[in-house]
Amino acid sequence: MANRRPRHPLAQSSNQPQRKKKAPRPLPPGEQFFTPGATGLRKTVETRSAPLLVYLYQMPKWLLPVVLVAFFIGGFALPDWRGGLCMLPVIAFTGWLAYLSWPSLRVGARVLRLALLAFLLAVAVTRFGAL
C-alpha cells in the first residue's frame, strides 16, 4: 500500500453525509417593500437597493453596526483627511437609509435625519480642512 497522507479532519469525503446549509433568515413581516406609486429616481433607487438590503439583512446582526461604529470613531479620532475618509461611508449609509425611509417618516423624524446628516457632513468637512 502506498504511503498516503491522512486526510485533514475537516476535509469532506464522499462517504460522509453532507452538512445542511443554514437557512437564511426570513424577511421581517411588513406592509410593503417598495413605495406605492413611486416613479423615476425613487423607484430606481428602491429597486436597486432591494437586493443589497436583503443581503445586509442576511449578514450577522452585529457586523454592520460594528463596522459603522469603527468608521465613526475613526472619523472623530483622526483629525486630518483620513478622518474625513472614515466619515464618508457613515454619511453614505445614513443618507441612503434616510432616503429610503423618507416617505414613511413624520416631520420630526425627517428633521432628525437631516440634522444627523448635516452633523456628519460638518465633521467630514472639518477633517478635510475646508472649515
N, C-alpha and C. Protein backbone atom coordinates (compact mmCIF):
# COMPACT_ATOMS: atom_id res chain seq x y z
N MET A 1 0.84 -1.17 0.00
CA MET A 1 0.00 0.00 0.00
C MET A 1 0.88 1.23 0.00
N ALA A 2 0.51 2.21 -0.78
CA ALA A 2 1.30 3.44 -0.90
C ALA A 2 1.21 4.24 0.38
N ASN A 3 2.21 5.00 0.61
CA ASN A 3 2.29 5.83 1.81
C ASN A 3 1.46 7.10 1.58
N ARG A 4 0.21 7.10 1.99
CA ARG A 4 -0.70 8.24 1.77
C ARG A 4 -0.77 9.09 3.02
N ARG A 5 -0.88 10.38 2.80
CA ARG A 5 -1.07 11.28 3.92
C ARG A 5 -2.51 11.16 4.40
N PRO A 6 -2.73 11.17 5.69
CA PRO A 6 -4.12 11.10 6.17
C PRO A 6 -4.87 12.37 5.79
N ARG A 7 -6.15 12.19 5.53
CA ARG A 7 -6.99 13.35 5.18
C ARG A 7 -7.14 14.26 6.38
N HIS A 8 -7.26 15.52 6.07
CA HIS A 8 -7.50 16.50 7.13
C HIS A 8 -8.87 16.22 7.74
N PRO A 9 -9.01 16.37 9.07
CA PRO A 9 -10.29 16.06 9.71
C PRO A 9 -11.45 16.89 9.19
N LEU A 10 -11.17 18.08 8.67
CA LEU A 10 -12.26 18.92 8.17
C LEU A 10 -12.58 18.65 6.71
N ALA A 11 -11.73 17.88 6.03
CA ALA A 11 -12.00 17.56 4.63
C ALA A 11 -13.18 16.59 4.55
N GLN A 12 -14.06 16.86 3.61
CA GLN A 12 -15.24 16.00 3.46
C GLN A 12 -14.89 14.85 2.51
N SER A 13 -15.29 13.69 2.90
CA SER A 13 -15.13 12.56 2.00
C SER A 13 -16.51 12.22 1.42
N SER A 14 -16.48 11.42 0.37
CA SER A 14 -17.73 11.13 -0.32
C SER A 14 -18.65 10.22 0.50
N ASN A 15 -18.12 9.49 1.48
CA ASN A 15 -18.98 8.59 2.24
C ASN A 15 -19.54 9.25 3.51
N GLN A 16 -19.17 10.50 3.77
CA GLN A 16 -19.73 11.20 4.93
C GLN A 16 -20.96 12.00 4.48
N PRO A 17 -21.94 12.10 5.35
CA PRO A 17 -23.14 12.87 4.97
C PRO A 17 -22.80 14.36 4.83
N GLN A 18 -23.42 14.97 3.88
CA GLN A 18 -23.22 16.40 3.64
C GLN A 18 -23.94 17.21 4.71
N ARG A 19 -23.30 18.28 5.15
CA ARG A 19 -23.94 19.17 6.11
C ARG A 19 -24.98 20.02 5.40
N LYS A 20 -26.05 20.26 6.09
CA LYS A 20 -27.08 21.13 5.53
C LYS A 20 -26.63 22.57 5.72
N LYS A 21 -26.88 23.39 4.71
CA LYS A 21 -26.59 24.81 4.82
C LYS A 21 -27.62 25.44 5.73
N LYS A 22 -27.16 26.40 6.49
CA LYS A 22 -28.07 27.11 7.37
C LYS A 22 -29.03 27.94 6.52
N ALA A 23 -30.28 27.80 6.79
CA ALA A 23 -31.29 28.54 6.02
C ALA A 23 -31.18 30.02 6.33
N PRO A 24 -31.32 30.87 5.31
CA PRO A 24 -31.25 32.30 5.57
C PRO A 24 -32.42 32.77 6.42
N ARG A 25 -32.18 33.86 7.12
CA ARG A 25 -33.26 34.39 7.95
C ARG A 25 -34.42 34.84 7.06
N PRO A 26 -35.63 34.55 7.44
CA PRO A 26 -36.76 35.03 6.65
C PRO A 26 -36.87 36.55 6.78
N LEU A 27 -37.37 37.16 5.75
CA LEU A 27 -37.55 38.61 5.80
C LEU A 27 -38.59 38.97 6.85
N PRO A 28 -38.43 40.12 7.48
CA PRO A 28 -39.41 40.51 8.50
C PRO A 28 -40.76 40.81 7.87
N PRO A 29 -41.83 40.60 8.61
CA PRO A 29 -43.15 40.92 8.06
C PRO A 29 -43.27 42.43 7.90
N GLY A 30 -43.92 42.84 6.88
CA GLY A 30 -44.09 44.27 6.64
C GLY A 30 -45.23 44.50 5.68
N GLU A 31 -45.59 45.75 5.58
CA GLU A 31 -46.70 46.09 4.70
C GLU A 31 -46.28 46.00 3.23
N GLN A 32 -45.21 46.74 2.88
CA GLN A 32 -44.74 46.73 1.50
C GLN A 32 -43.24 46.96 1.49
N PHE A 33 -42.60 46.42 0.47
CA PHE A 33 -41.16 46.59 0.35
C PHE A 33 -40.82 47.86 -0.42
N PHE A 34 -41.69 48.26 -1.35
CA PHE A 34 -41.45 49.44 -2.17
C PHE A 34 -42.51 50.50 -1.88
N THR A 35 -42.17 51.75 -2.18
CA THR A 35 -43.13 52.84 -2.01
C THR A 35 -44.21 52.72 -3.07
N PRO A 36 -45.49 52.68 -2.66
CA PRO A 36 -46.56 52.58 -3.66
C PRO A 36 -46.58 53.81 -4.56
N GLY A 37 -46.69 53.59 -5.84
CA GLY A 37 -46.80 54.67 -6.81
C GLY A 37 -45.51 55.43 -7.06
N ALA A 38 -44.38 54.89 -6.63
CA ALA A 38 -43.10 55.57 -6.84
C ALA A 38 -42.73 55.55 -8.32
N THR A 39 -42.16 56.64 -8.77
CA THR A 39 -41.71 56.74 -10.15
C THR A 39 -40.32 57.37 -10.17
N GLY A 40 -39.67 57.30 -11.31
CA GLY A 40 -38.41 57.99 -11.51
C GLY A 40 -37.29 57.49 -10.63
N LEU A 41 -36.59 58.46 -10.03
CA LEU A 41 -35.40 58.16 -9.23
C LEU A 41 -35.72 57.29 -8.03
N ARG A 42 -36.82 57.58 -7.33
CA ARG A 42 -37.17 56.79 -6.14
C ARG A 42 -37.38 55.33 -6.51
N LYS A 43 -38.10 55.07 -7.58
CA LYS A 43 -38.35 53.69 -7.99
C LYS A 43 -37.04 52.99 -8.35
N THR A 44 -36.16 53.69 -9.05
CA THR A 44 -34.88 53.11 -9.44
C THR A 44 -34.03 52.80 -8.21
N VAL A 45 -33.95 53.76 -7.29
CA VAL A 45 -33.14 53.55 -6.09
C VAL A 45 -33.70 52.41 -5.25
N GLU A 46 -35.01 52.35 -5.08
CA GLU A 46 -35.62 51.28 -4.29
C GLU A 46 -35.40 49.92 -4.95
N THR A 47 -35.54 49.86 -6.27
CA THR A 47 -35.37 48.59 -6.97
C THR A 47 -33.93 48.10 -6.87
N ARG A 48 -32.97 49.02 -7.02
CA ARG A 48 -31.56 48.62 -6.94
C ARG A 48 -31.11 48.39 -5.50
N SER A 49 -31.80 48.98 -4.55
CA SER A 49 -31.43 48.82 -3.15
C SER A 49 -31.98 47.53 -2.55
N ALA A 50 -33.03 46.99 -3.12
CA ALA A 50 -33.68 45.81 -2.55
C ALA A 50 -32.72 44.63 -2.39
N PRO A 51 -31.95 44.24 -3.41
CA PRO A 51 -31.04 43.10 -3.19
C PRO A 51 -29.98 43.39 -2.13
N LEU A 52 -29.49 44.63 -2.09
CA LEU A 52 -28.48 44.98 -1.09
C LEU A 52 -29.08 44.95 0.32
N LEU A 53 -30.30 45.42 0.46
CA LEU A 53 -30.96 45.37 1.77
C LEU A 53 -31.17 43.93 2.23
N VAL A 54 -31.57 43.07 1.32
CA VAL A 54 -31.76 41.66 1.67
C VAL A 54 -30.42 41.04 2.05
N TYR A 55 -29.37 41.37 1.30
CA TYR A 55 -28.04 40.85 1.61
C TYR A 55 -27.59 41.33 2.99
N LEU A 56 -27.77 42.61 3.29
CA LEU A 56 -27.39 43.15 4.60
C LEU A 56 -28.20 42.50 5.71
N TYR A 57 -29.45 42.19 5.42
CA TYR A 57 -30.31 41.54 6.43
C TYR A 57 -29.84 40.12 6.73
N GLN A 58 -29.25 39.46 5.74
CA GLN A 58 -28.80 38.08 5.93
C GLN A 58 -27.47 38.01 6.67
N MET A 59 -26.74 39.11 6.73
CA MET A 59 -25.46 39.13 7.44
C MET A 59 -25.71 39.02 8.94
N PRO A 60 -24.68 38.67 9.71
CA PRO A 60 -24.85 38.67 11.17
C PRO A 60 -25.29 40.05 11.65
N LYS A 61 -26.19 40.07 12.62
CA LYS A 61 -26.78 41.33 13.08
C LYS A 61 -25.75 42.31 13.63
N TRP A 62 -24.67 41.81 14.19
CA TRP A 62 -23.69 42.66 14.84
C TRP A 62 -22.70 43.28 13.88
N LEU A 63 -22.54 42.73 12.68
CA LEU A 63 -21.46 43.12 11.79
C LEU A 63 -21.57 44.56 11.29
N LEU A 64 -22.69 44.93 10.74
CA LEU A 64 -22.85 46.27 10.18
C LEU A 64 -22.71 47.37 11.23
N PRO A 65 -23.36 47.27 12.40
CA PRO A 65 -23.15 48.31 13.40
C PRO A 65 -21.69 48.41 13.86
N VAL A 66 -21.01 47.29 13.99
CA VAL A 66 -19.61 47.33 14.43
C VAL A 66 -18.75 48.05 13.38
N VAL A 67 -18.97 47.74 12.12
CA VAL A 67 -18.19 48.38 11.05
C VAL A 67 -18.48 49.89 11.01
N LEU A 68 -19.76 50.25 11.09
CA LEU A 68 -20.10 51.67 11.05
C LEU A 68 -19.57 52.43 12.26
N VAL A 69 -19.61 51.83 13.43
CA VAL A 69 -19.07 52.48 14.63
C VAL A 69 -17.56 52.63 14.50
N ALA A 70 -16.90 51.64 13.92
CA ALA A 70 -15.45 51.74 13.72
C ALA A 70 -15.11 52.90 12.79
N PHE A 71 -15.85 53.05 11.70
CA PHE A 71 -15.64 54.19 10.81
C PHE A 71 -15.96 55.51 11.52
N PHE A 72 -17.03 55.53 12.29
CA PHE A 72 -17.44 56.73 13.02
C PHE A 72 -16.36 57.15 14.02
N ILE A 73 -15.86 56.21 14.78
CA ILE A 73 -14.80 56.51 15.75
C ILE A 73 -13.54 56.96 15.03
N GLY A 74 -13.23 56.30 13.92
CA GLY A 74 -12.08 56.72 13.14
C GLY A 74 -12.24 58.14 12.62
N GLY A 75 -13.46 58.51 12.26
CA GLY A 75 -13.71 59.87 11.78
C GLY A 75 -13.47 60.92 12.85
N PHE A 76 -13.76 60.58 14.09
CA PHE A 76 -13.52 61.52 15.19
C PHE A 76 -12.09 61.45 15.70
N ALA A 77 -11.50 60.27 15.68
CA ALA A 77 -10.16 60.09 16.26
C ALA A 77 -9.06 60.65 15.36
N LEU A 78 -9.26 60.60 14.06
CA LEU A 78 -8.23 61.07 13.13
C LEU A 78 -8.54 62.51 12.74
N PRO A 79 -7.68 63.44 13.10
CA PRO A 79 -8.00 64.85 12.89
C PRO A 79 -7.72 65.37 11.49
N ASP A 80 -7.18 64.55 10.60
CA ASP A 80 -6.85 65.03 9.27
C ASP A 80 -7.76 64.39 8.22
N TRP A 81 -7.31 64.38 6.97
CA TRP A 81 -8.13 63.90 5.86
C TRP A 81 -8.53 62.44 6.02
N ARG A 82 -7.74 61.66 6.78
CA ARG A 82 -8.11 60.25 6.98
C ARG A 82 -9.40 60.14 7.80
N GLY A 83 -9.59 61.07 8.73
CA GLY A 83 -10.85 61.11 9.47
C GLY A 83 -12.03 61.43 8.57
N GLY A 84 -11.81 62.32 7.61
CA GLY A 84 -12.85 62.63 6.63
C GLY A 84 -13.20 61.44 5.77
N LEU A 85 -12.18 60.68 5.38
CA LEU A 85 -12.44 59.47 4.59
C LEU A 85 -13.20 58.44 5.39
N CYS A 86 -12.91 58.35 6.70
CA CYS A 86 -13.64 57.41 7.55
C CYS A 86 -15.11 57.80 7.69
N MET A 87 -15.39 59.09 7.62
CA MET A 87 -16.78 59.54 7.78
C MET A 87 -17.61 59.31 6.52
N LEU A 88 -16.97 59.22 5.36
CA LEU A 88 -17.74 59.08 4.11
C LEU A 88 -18.64 57.85 4.06
N PRO A 89 -18.18 56.64 4.45
CA PRO A 89 -19.11 55.51 4.44
C PRO A 89 -20.28 55.68 5.42
N VAL A 90 -20.02 56.33 6.55
CA VAL A 90 -21.09 56.56 7.52
C VAL A 90 -22.12 57.53 6.93
N ILE A 91 -21.64 58.59 6.27
CA ILE A 91 -22.55 59.55 5.64
C ILE A 91 -23.34 58.88 4.53
N ALA A 92 -22.66 58.10 3.70
CA ALA A 92 -23.34 57.44 2.57
C ALA A 92 -24.41 56.47 3.07
N PHE A 93 -24.08 55.65 4.06
CA PHE A 93 -25.05 54.67 4.56
C PHE A 93 -26.23 55.37 5.24
N THR A 94 -25.94 56.38 6.06
CA THR A 94 -27.01 57.11 6.74
C THR A 94 -27.90 57.83 5.75
N GLY A 95 -27.30 58.46 4.76
CA GLY A 95 -28.08 59.16 3.73
C GLY A 95 -28.93 58.21 2.90
N TRP A 96 -28.37 57.06 2.58
CA TRP A 96 -29.10 56.05 1.80
C TRP A 96 -30.32 55.56 2.57
N LEU A 97 -30.13 55.22 3.84
CA LEU A 97 -31.28 54.76 4.64
C LEU A 97 -32.29 55.88 4.86
N ALA A 98 -31.82 57.11 5.03
CA ALA A 98 -32.74 58.24 5.19
C ALA A 98 -33.57 58.43 3.93
N TYR A 99 -32.94 58.30 2.78
CA TYR A 99 -33.67 58.46 1.52
C TYR A 99 -34.72 57.36 1.35
N LEU A 100 -34.33 56.13 1.68
CA LEU A 100 -35.27 55.02 1.52
C LEU A 100 -36.46 55.12 2.47
N SER A 101 -36.22 55.62 3.68
CA SER A 101 -37.30 55.67 4.67
C SER A 101 -38.08 56.98 4.63
N TRP A 102 -37.67 57.94 3.84
CA TRP A 102 -38.26 59.27 3.83
C TRP A 102 -39.78 59.28 3.67
N PRO A 103 -40.37 58.54 2.73
CA PRO A 103 -41.83 58.64 2.55
C PRO A 103 -42.64 58.18 3.77
N SER A 104 -42.09 57.32 4.58
CA SER A 104 -42.86 56.80 5.71
C SER A 104 -42.60 57.57 7.00
N LEU A 105 -41.81 58.63 6.95
CA LEU A 105 -41.45 59.36 8.16
C LEU A 105 -42.35 60.57 8.39
N ARG A 106 -42.48 60.91 9.67
CA ARG A 106 -43.17 62.15 10.03
C ARG A 106 -42.16 63.28 10.01
N VAL A 107 -42.65 64.49 10.19
CA VAL A 107 -41.80 65.67 10.08
C VAL A 107 -40.65 65.64 11.09
N GLY A 108 -40.93 65.27 12.33
CA GLY A 108 -39.89 65.24 13.35
C GLY A 108 -38.77 64.29 13.02
N ALA A 109 -39.11 63.12 12.51
CA ALA A 109 -38.09 62.13 12.14
C ALA A 109 -37.28 62.61 10.94
N ARG A 110 -37.93 63.30 10.02
CA ARG A 110 -37.21 63.84 8.87
C ARG A 110 -36.21 64.90 9.30
N VAL A 111 -36.62 65.75 10.22
CA VAL A 111 -35.73 66.80 10.72
C VAL A 111 -34.52 66.18 11.43
N LEU A 112 -34.76 65.15 12.23
CA LEU A 112 -33.65 64.49 12.92
C LEU A 112 -32.67 63.85 11.93
N ARG A 113 -33.16 63.24 10.89
CA ARG A 113 -32.26 62.63 9.90
C ARG A 113 -31.46 63.69 9.16
N LEU A 114 -32.10 64.80 8.83
CA LEU A 114 -31.38 65.88 8.18
C LEU A 114 -30.33 66.48 9.11
N ALA A 115 -30.67 66.63 10.40
CA ALA A 115 -29.71 67.16 11.37
C ALA A 115 -28.52 66.22 11.52
N LEU A 116 -28.77 64.93 11.56
CA LEU A 116 -27.69 63.96 11.67
C LEU A 116 -26.78 64.02 10.45
N LEU A 117 -27.37 64.08 9.27
CA LEU A 117 -26.56 64.17 8.06
C LEU A 117 -25.76 65.46 8.03
N ALA A 118 -26.36 66.56 8.45
CA ALA A 118 -25.64 67.84 8.49
C ALA A 118 -24.47 67.77 9.46
N PHE A 119 -24.67 67.16 10.62
CA PHE A 119 -23.60 67.00 11.60
C PHE A 119 -22.46 66.15 11.05
N LEU A 120 -22.81 65.00 10.44
CA LEU A 120 -21.78 64.12 9.88
C LEU A 120 -21.02 64.81 8.75
N LEU A 121 -21.72 65.56 7.92
CA LEU A 121 -21.06 66.30 6.84
C LEU A 121 -20.14 67.37 7.41
N ALA A 122 -20.57 68.06 8.47
CA ALA A 122 -19.73 69.08 9.09
C ALA A 122 -18.45 68.46 9.65
N VAL A 123 -18.57 67.30 10.28
CA VAL A 123 -17.38 66.63 10.79
C VAL A 123 -16.44 66.26 9.65
N ALA A 124 -16.98 65.70 8.57
CA ALA A 124 -16.15 65.30 7.44
C ALA A 124 -15.47 66.52 6.80
N VAL A 125 -16.21 67.61 6.64
CA VAL A 125 -15.66 68.81 6.03
C VAL A 125 -14.53 69.38 6.88
N THR A 126 -14.71 69.39 8.19
CA THR A 126 -13.64 69.90 9.06
C THR A 126 -12.41 69.00 9.00
N ARG A 127 -12.60 67.70 8.84
CA ARG A 127 -11.46 66.78 8.75
C ARG A 127 -10.70 66.99 7.44
N PHE A 128 -11.43 67.37 6.40
CA PHE A 128 -10.75 67.63 5.12
C PHE A 128 -10.12 69.03 5.11
N GLY A 129 -10.37 69.81 6.14
CA GLY A 129 -9.73 71.12 6.27
C GLY A 129 -10.44 72.24 5.55
N ALA A 130 -11.69 72.05 5.19
CA ALA A 130 -12.42 73.09 4.49
C ALA A 130 -12.95 74.17 5.42
N LEU A 131 -13.12 73.86 6.69
CA LEU A 131 -13.61 74.88 7.64
C LEU A 131 -12.56 75.20 8.66
